[in-house]
Amino acid sequence: MDMAPSPKDQLDWIKASASYGNGACVELAKINGMIALRDSKNPGTPPLMYTVAELRAFLDGARKGEFDHLLDQ
């Protein structure tokens, strides 16, 4: 019996150009007014879901360098 793909399988997933080819890929897609985020290495895992406002706040913090200290080794 064939199972129909879920709507999340049919989304237009996008990823940052810097992540191509290095295995460190997260993908984003818009669904029902929300933003889905998944690990491209595990596309079958349920994505994390965020509101546009939540993702906007995160991106603003990232642009301002508020998370840069997490990358220090």
PDB file of N, CA and C in Angstrom:
ATOM      1  N   MET A   1       0.841  -1.170   0.000  1.00  0.00           N
ATOM      2  CA  MET A   1       0.000   0.000   0.000  1.00  0.00           C
ATOM      3  C   MET A   1       0.888   1.235   0.000  1.00  0.00           C
ATOM      4  N   ASP A   2       0.676   2.139  -0.949  1.00  0.00           N
ATOM      5  CA  ASP A   2       1.441   3.383  -1.021  1.00  0.00           C
ATOM      6  C   ASP A   2       0.862   4.392  -0.044  1.00  0.00           C
ATOM      7  N   MET A   3       1.778   5.083   0.625  1.00  0.00           N
ATOM      8  CA  MET A   3       1.339   6.137   1.530  1.00  0.00           C
ATOM      9  C   MET A   3       1.519   7.470   0.820  1.00  0.00           C
ATOM     10  N   ALA A   4       0.538   8.330   0.895  1.00  0.00           N
ATOM     11  CA  ALA A   4       0.650   9.654   0.296  1.00  0.00           C
ATOM     12  C   ALA A   4       1.676  10.460   1.083  1.00  0.00           C
ATOM     13  N   PRO A   5       2.487  11.248   0.395  1.00  0.00           N
ATOM     14  CA  PRO A   5       3.463  12.065   1.115  1.00  0.00           C
ATOM     15  C   PRO A   5       2.748  13.100   1.969  1.00  0.00           C
ATOM     16  N   SER A   6       3.339  13.391   3.118  1.00  0.00           N
ATOM     17  CA  SER A   6       2.754  14.410   3.984  1.00  0.00           C
ATOM     18  C   SER A   6       3.013  15.778   3.370  1.00  0.00           C
ATOM     19  N   PRO A   7       2.233  16.789   3.764  1.00  0.00           N
ATOM     20  CA  PRO A   7       2.474  18.139   3.237  1.00  0.00           C
ATOM     21  C   PRO A   7       3.891  18.624   3.493  1.00  0.00           C
ATOM     22  N   LYS A   8       4.509  18.198   4.605  1.00  0.00           N
ATOM     23  CA  LYS A   8       5.875  18.639   4.907  1.00  0.00           C
ATOM     24  C   LYS A   8       6.882  18.050   3.925  1.00  0.00           C
ATOM     25  N   ASP A   9       6.560  16.894   3.301  1.00  0.00           N
ATOM     26  CA  ASP A   9       7.443  16.312   2.295  1.00  0.00           C
ATOM     27  C   ASP A   9       7.394  17.097   0.993  1.00  0.00           C
ATOM     28  N   GLN A  10       6.332  17.837   0.779  1.00  0.00           N
ATOM     29  CA  GLN A  10       6.120  18.537  -0.482  1.00  0.00           C
ATOM     30  C   GLN A  10       6.477  20.019  -0.404  1.00  0.00           C
ATOM     31  N   LEU A  11       7.090  20.458   0.663  1.00  0.00           N
ATOM     32  CA  LEU A  11       7.431  21.866   0.823  1.00  0.00           C
ATOM     33  C   LEU A  11       8.626  22.236  -0.037  1.00  0.00           C
ATOM     34  N   ASP A  12       8.749  23.524  -0.298  1.00  0.00           N
ATOM     35  CA  ASP A  12       9.920  24.046  -0.999  1.00  0.00           C
ATOM     36  C   ASP A  12      10.976  24.403   0.045  1.00  0.00           C
ATOM     37  N   TRP A  13      11.787  23.413   0.405  1.00  0.00           N
ATOM     38  CA  TRP A  13      12.822  23.606   1.415  1.00  0.00           C
ATOM     39  C   TRP A  13      13.960  24.417   0.828  1.00  0.00           C
ATOM     40  N   ILE A  14      14.498  25.346   1.602  1.00  0.00           N
ATOM     41  CA  ILE A  14      15.646  26.154   1.179  1.00  0.00           C
ATOM     42  C   ILE A  14      16.735  26.052   2.241  1.00  0.00           C
ATOM     43  N   LYS A  15      17.964  26.270   1.829  1.00  0.00           N
ATOM     44  CA  LYS A  15      19.080  26.287   2.774  1.00  0.00           C
ATOM     45  C   LYS A  15      20.050  27.376   2.374  1.00  0.00           C
ATOM     46  N   ALA A  16      20.870  27.788   3.304  1.00  0.00           N
ATOM     47  CA  ALA A  16      21.863  28.831   3.047  1.00  0.00           C
ATOM     48  C   ALA A  16      22.898  28.326   2.045  1.00  0.00           C
ATOM     49  N   SER A  17      23.337  29.194   1.183  1.00  0.00           N
ATOM     50  CA  SER A  17      24.320  28.795   0.171  1.00  0.00           C
ATOM     51  C   SER A  17      25.620  28.313   0.808  1.00  0.00           C
ATOM     52  N   ALA A  18      25.973  28.804   1.987  1.00  0.00           N
ATOM     53  CA  ALA A  18      27.211  28.388   2.655  1.00  0.00           C
ATOM     54  C   ALA A  18      27.138  26.944   3.140  1.00  0.00           C
ATOM     55  N   SER A  19      25.950  26.374   3.245  1.00  0.00           N
ATOM     56  CA  SER A  19      25.829  25.013   3.773  1.00  0.00           C
ATOM     57  C   SER A  19      25.931  23.942   2.701  1.00  0.00           C
ATOM     58  N   TYR A  20      25.892  24.291   1.444  1.00  0.00           N
ATOM     59  CA  TYR A  20      25.953  23.289   0.377  1.00  0.00           C
ATOM     60  C   TYR A  20      27.290  22.566   0.387  1.00  0.00           C
ATOM     61  N   GLY A  21      27.237  21.245   0.408  1.00  0.00           N
ATOM     62  CA  GLY A  21      28.432  20.433   0.247  1.00  0.00           C
ATOM     63  C   GLY A  21      29.248  20.198   1.500  1.00  0.00           C
ATOM     64  N   ASN A  22      28.905  20.833   2.624  1.00  0.00           N
ATOM     65  CA  ASN A  22      29.741  20.620   3.802  1.00  0.00           C
ATOM     66  C   ASN A  22      29.063  19.775   4.872  1.00  0.00           C
ATOM     67  N   GLY A  23      27.845  19.324   4.634  1.00  0.00           N
ATOM     68  CA  GLY A  23      27.148  18.447   5.567  1.00  0.00           C
ATOM     69  C   GLY A  23      26.541  19.141   6.766  1.00  0.00           C
ATOM     70  N   ALA A  24      26.697  20.444   6.860  1.00  0.00           N
ATOM     71  CA  ALA A  24      26.135  21.204   7.986  1.00  0.00           C
ATOM     72  C   ALA A  24      24.927  21.984   7.489  1.00  0.00           C
ATOM     73  N   CYS A  25      23.874  21.259   7.181  1.00  0.00           N
ATOM     74  CA  CYS A  25      22.742  21.895   6.515  1.00  0.00           C
ATOM     75  C   CYS A  25      21.479  21.876   7.358  1.00  0.00           C
ATOM     76  N   VAL A  26      20.890  23.030   7.513  1.00  0.00           N
ATOM     77  CA  VAL A  26      19.524  23.120   8.006  1.00  0.00           C
ATOM     78  C   VAL A  26      18.712  23.734   6.876  1.00  0.00           C
ATOM     79  N   GLU A  27      17.477  23.331   6.798  1.00  0.00           N
ATOM     80  CA  GLU A  27      16.595  23.809   5.737  1.00  0.00           C
ATOM     81  C   GLU A  27      15.371  24.459   6.365  1.00  0.00           C
ATOM     82  N   LEU A  28      14.836  25.435   5.667  1.00  0.00           N
ATOM     83  CA  LEU A  28      13.649  26.154   6.111  1.00  0.00           C
ATOM     84  C   LEU A  28      12.582  26.101   5.036  1.00  0.00           C
ATOM     85  N   ALA A  29      11.333  26.102   5.454  1.00  0.00           N
ATOM     86  CA  ALA A  29      10.204  26.147   4.521  1.00  0.00           C
ATOM     87  C   ALA A  29       9.037  26.829   5.228  1.00  0.00           C
ATOM     88  N   LYS A  30       8.185  27.463   4.455  1.00  0.00           N
ATOM     89  CA  LYS A  30       7.000  28.106   5.008  1.00  0.00           C
ATOM     90  C   LYS A  30       5.808  27.173   4.839  1.00  0.00           C
ATOM     91  N   ILE A  31       5.028  27.006   5.912  1.00  0.00           N
ATOM     92  CA  ILE A  31       3.845  26.155   5.867  1.00  0.00           C
ATOM     93  C   ILE A  31       2.780  26.751   6.799  1.00  0.00           C
ATOM     94  N   ASN A  32       1.635  27.015   6.242  1.00  0.00           N
ATOM     95  CA  ASN A  32       0.498  27.518   7.020  1.00  0.00           C
ATOM     96  C   ASN A  32       0.856  28.716   7.895  1.00  0.00           C
ATOM     97  N   GLY A  33       1.611  29.654   7.359  1.00  0.00           N
ATOM     98  CA  GLY A  33       1.983  30.853   8.103  1.00  0.00           C
ATOM     99  C   GLY A  33       3.081  30.645   9.124  1.00  0.00           C
ATOM    100  N   MET A  34       3.632  29.451   9.194  1.00  0.00           N
ATOM    101  CA  MET A  34       4.723  29.139  10.124  1.00  0.00           C
ATOM    102  C   MET A  34       5.991  28.861   9.313  1.00  0.00           C
ATOM    103  N   ILE A  35       7.116  28.828  10.003  1.00  0.00           N
ATOM    104  CA  ILE A  35       8.395  28.481   9.393  1.00  0.00           C
ATOM    105  C   ILE A  35       8.838  27.141   9.969  1.00  0.00           C
ATOM    106  N   ALA A  36       9.053  26.165   9.090  1.00  0.00           N
ATOM    107  CA  ALA A  36       9.537  24.846   9.486  1.00  0.00           C
ATOM    108  C   ALA A  36      11.050  24.818   9.323  1.00  0.00           C
ATOM    109  N   LEU A  37      11.751  24.197  10.260  1.00  0.00           N
ATOM    110  CA  LEU A  37      13.204  24.069  10.214  1.00  0.00           C
ATOM    111  C   LEU A  37      13.546  22.606  10.432  1.00  0.00           C
ATOM    112  N   ARG A  38      14.403  22.062   9.562  1.00  0.00           N
ATOM    113  CA  ARG A  38      14.801  20.661   9.704  1.00  0.00           C
ATOM    114  C   ARG A  38      16.274  20.495   9.377  1.00  0.00           C
ATOM    115  N   ASP A  39      16.824  19.381   9.827  1.00  0.00           N
ATOM    116  CA  ASP A  39      18.185  18.963   9.505  1.00  0.00           C
ATOM    117  C   ASP A  39      18.098  18.211   8.185  1.00  0.00           C
ATOM    118  N   SER A  40      18.801  18.679   7.173  1.00  0.00           N
ATOM    119  CA  SER A  40      18.692  18.060   5.848  1.00  0.00           C
ATOM    120  C   SER A  40      19.212  16.628   5.833  1.00  0.00           C
ATOM    121  N   LYS A  41      20.051  16.262   6.799  1.00  0.00           N
ATOM    122  CA  LYS A  41      20.558  14.887   6.858  1.00  0.00           C
ATOM    123  C   LYS A  41      19.495  13.925   7.390  1.00  0.00           C
ATOM    124  N   ASN A  42      18.460  14.457   8.015  1.00  0.00           N
ATOM    125  CA  ASN A  42      17.384  13.649   8.590  1.00  0.00           C
ATOM    126  C   ASN A  42      16.023  14.204   8.165  1.00  0.00           C
ATOM    127  N   PRO A  43      15.726  14.192   6.871  1.00  0.00           N
ATOM    128  CA  PRO A  43      14.492  14.826   6.396  1.00  0.00           C
ATOM    129  C   PRO A  43      13.212  14.163   6.888  1.00  0.00           C
ATOM    130  N   GLY A  44      13.299  12.937   7.375  1.00  0.00           N
ATOM    131  CA  GLY A  44      12.109  12.264   7.874  1.00  0.00           C
ATOM    132  C   GLY A  44      11.741  12.646   9.298  1.00  0.00           C
ATOM    133  N   THR A  45      12.652  13.313   9.998  1.00  0.00           N
ATOM    134  CA  THR A  45      12.396  13.755  11.357  1.00  0.00           C
ATOM    135  C   THR A  45      11.444  14.945  11.324  1.00  0.00           C
ATOM    136  N   PRO A  46      10.478  14.989  12.223  1.00  0.00           N
ATOM    137  CA  PRO A  46       9.564  16.138  12.224  1.00  0.00           C
ATOM    138  C   PRO A  46      10.336  17.452  12.390  1.00  0.00           C
ATOM    139  N   PRO A  47      10.002  18.456  11.596  1.00  0.00           N
ATOM    140  CA  PRO A  47      10.711  19.734  11.701  1.00  0.00           C
ATOM    141  C   PRO A  47      10.279  20.506  12.941  1.00  0.00           C
ATOM    142  N   LEU A  48      11.135  21.398  13.361  1.00  0.00           N
ATOM    143  CA  LEU A  48      10.780  22.347  14.401  1.00  0.00           C
ATOM    144  C   LEU A  48       9.946  23.441  13.736  1.00  0.00           C
ATOM    145  N   MET A  49       8.917  23.914  14.418  1.00  0.00           N
ATOM    146  CA  MET A  49       8.019  24.903  13.842  1.00  0.00           C
ATOM    147  C   MET A  49       8.125  26.212  14.621  1.00  0.00           C
ATOM    148  N   TYR A  50       8.236  27.320  13.882  1.00  0.00           N
ATOM    149  CA  TYR A  50       8.365  28.646  14.485  1.00  0.00           C
ATOM    150  C   TYR A  50       7.394  29.606  13.816  1.00  0.00           C
ATOM    151  N   THR A  51       6.961  30.598  14.575  1.00  0.00           N
ATOM    152  CA  THR A  51       6.174  31.666  13.967  1.00  0.00           C
ATOM    153  C   THR A  51       7.129  32.570  13.199  1.00  0.00           C
ATOM    154  N   VAL A  52       6.580  33.358  12.308  1.00  0.00           N
ATOM    155  CA  VAL A  52       7.408  34.317  11.566  1.00  0.00           C
ATOM    156  C   VAL A  52       8.066  35.279  12.549  1.00  0.00           C
ATOM    157  N   ALA A  53       7.336  35.719  13.562  1.00  0.00           N
ATOM    158  CA  ALA A  53       7.894  36.646  14.553  1.00  0.00           C
ATOM    159  C   ALA A  53       9.065  36.013  15.305  1.00  0.00           C
ATOM    160  N   GLU A  54       8.949  34.737  15.660  1.00  0.00           N
ATOM    161  CA  GLU A  54      10.039  34.053  16.363  1.00  0.00           C
ATOM    162  C   GLU A  54      11.282  33.960  15.489  1.00  0.00           C
ATOM    163  N   LEU A  55      11.108  33.586  14.233  1.00  0.00           N
ATOM    164  CA  LEU A  55      12.262  33.475  13.346  1.00  0.00           C
ATOM    165  C   LEU A  55      12.851  34.852  13.054  1.00  0.00           C
ATOM    166  N   ARG A  56      12.003  35.840  12.910  1.00  0.00           N
ATOM    167  CA  ARG A  56      12.482  37.211  12.681  1.00  0.00           C
ATOM    168  C   ARG A  56      13.345  37.665  13.866  1.00  0.00           C
ATOM    169  N   ALA A  57      12.898  37.403  15.093  1.00  0.00           N
ATOM    170  CA  ALA A  57      13.664  37.785  16.278  1.00  0.00           C
ATOM    171  C   ALA A  57      15.007  37.047  16.325  1.00  0.00           C
ATOM    172  N   PHE A  58      14.992  35.755  15.979  1.00  0.00           N
ATOM    173  CA  PHE A  58      16.241  34.984  15.955  1.00  0.00           C
ATOM    174  C   PHE A  58      17.211  35.552  14.919  1.00  0.00           C
ATOM    175  N   LEU A  59      16.728  35.799  13.715  1.00  0.00           N
ATOM    176  CA  LEU A  59      17.598  36.320  12.659  1.00  0.00           C
ATOM    177  C   LEU A  59      18.153  37.695  13.022  1.00  0.00           C
ATOM    178  N   ASP A  60      17.352  38.515  13.681  1.00  0.00           N
ATOM    179  CA  ASP A  60      17.825  39.820  14.122  1.00  0.00           C
ATOM    180  C   ASP A  60      18.976  39.653  15.111  1.00  0.00           C
ATOM    181  N   GLY A  61      18.814  38.736  16.066  1.00  0.00           N
ATOM    182  CA  GLY A  61      19.885  38.473  17.018  1.00  0.00           C
ATOM    183  C   GLY A  61      21.129  37.921  16.347  1.00  0.00           C
ATOM    184  N   ALA A  62      20.945  37.057  15.361  1.00  0.00           N
ATOM    185  CA  ALA A  62      22.091  36.493  14.633  1.00  0.00           C
ATOM    186  C   ALA A  62      22.828  37.589  13.868  1.00  0.00           C
ATOM    187  N   ARG A  63      22.082  38.477  13.228  1.00  0.00           N
ATOM    188  CA  ARG A  63      22.719  39.590  12.493  1.00  0.00           C
ATOM    189  C   ARG A  63      23.523  40.490  13.430  1.00  0.00           C
ATOM    190  N   LYS A  64      23.048  40.636  14.650  1.00  0.00           N
ATOM    191  CA  LYS A  64      23.720  41.501  15.626  1.00  0.00           C
ATOM    192  C   LYS A  64      24.861  40.785  16.346  1.00  0.00           C
ATOM    193  N   GLY A  65      25.083  39.514  16.047  1.00  0.00           N
ATOM    194  CA  GLY A  65      26.178  38.769  16.641  1.00  0.00           C
ATOM    195  C   GLY A  65      25.896  38.239  18.034  1.00  0.00           C
ATOM    196  N   GLU A  66      24.633  38.227  18.446  1.00  0.00           N
ATOM    197  CA  GLU A  66      24.283  37.825  19.808  1.00  0.00           C
ATOM    198  C   GLU A  66      24.561  36.354  20.109  1.00  0.00           C
ATOM    199  N   PHE A  67      24.770  35.546  19.093  1.00  0.00           N
ATOM    200  CA  PHE A  67      25.016  34.115  19.303  1.00  0.00           C
ATOM    201  C   PHE A  67      26.437  33.711  18.922  1.00  0.00           C
ATOM    202  N   ASP A  68      27.233  34.676  18.498  1.00  0.00           N
ATOM    203  CA  ASP A  68      28.582  34.359  18.028  1.00  0.00           C
ATOM    204  C   ASP A  68      29.418  33.623  19.063  1.00  0.00           C
ATOM    205  N   HIS A  69      29.218  33.918  20.344  1.00  0.00           N
ATOM    206  CA  HIS A  69      30.023  33.269  21.401  1.00  0.00           C
ATOM    207  C   HIS A  69      29.773  31.752  21.447  1.00  0.00           C
ATOM    208  N   LEU A  70      28.648  31.301  20.908  1.00  0.00           N
ATOM    209  CA  LEU A  70      28.374  29.861  20.889  1.00  0.00           C
ATOM    210  C   LEU A  70      29.281  29.120  19.916  1.00  0.00           C
ATOM    211  N   LEU A  71      29.900  29.841  18.994  1.00  0.00           N
ATOM    212  CA  LEU A  71      30.770  29.230  17.994  1.00  0.00           C
ATOM    213  C   LEU A  71      32.214  29.152  18.431  1.00  0.00           C
ATOM    214  N   ASP A  72      32.545  29.785  19.562  1.00  0.00           N
ATOM    215  CA  ASP A  72      33.921  29.744  20.071  1.00  0.00           C
ATOM    216  C   ASP A  72      34.253  28.332  20.522  1.00  0.00           C
ATOM    217  N   GLN A  73      35.472  27.914  20.234  1.00  0.00           N
ATOM    218  CA  GLN A  73      35.876  26.559  20.643  1.00  0.00           C
ATOM    219  C   GLN A  73      36.789  26.574  21.816  1.00  0.00           C
TER     220      GLN A  73
END
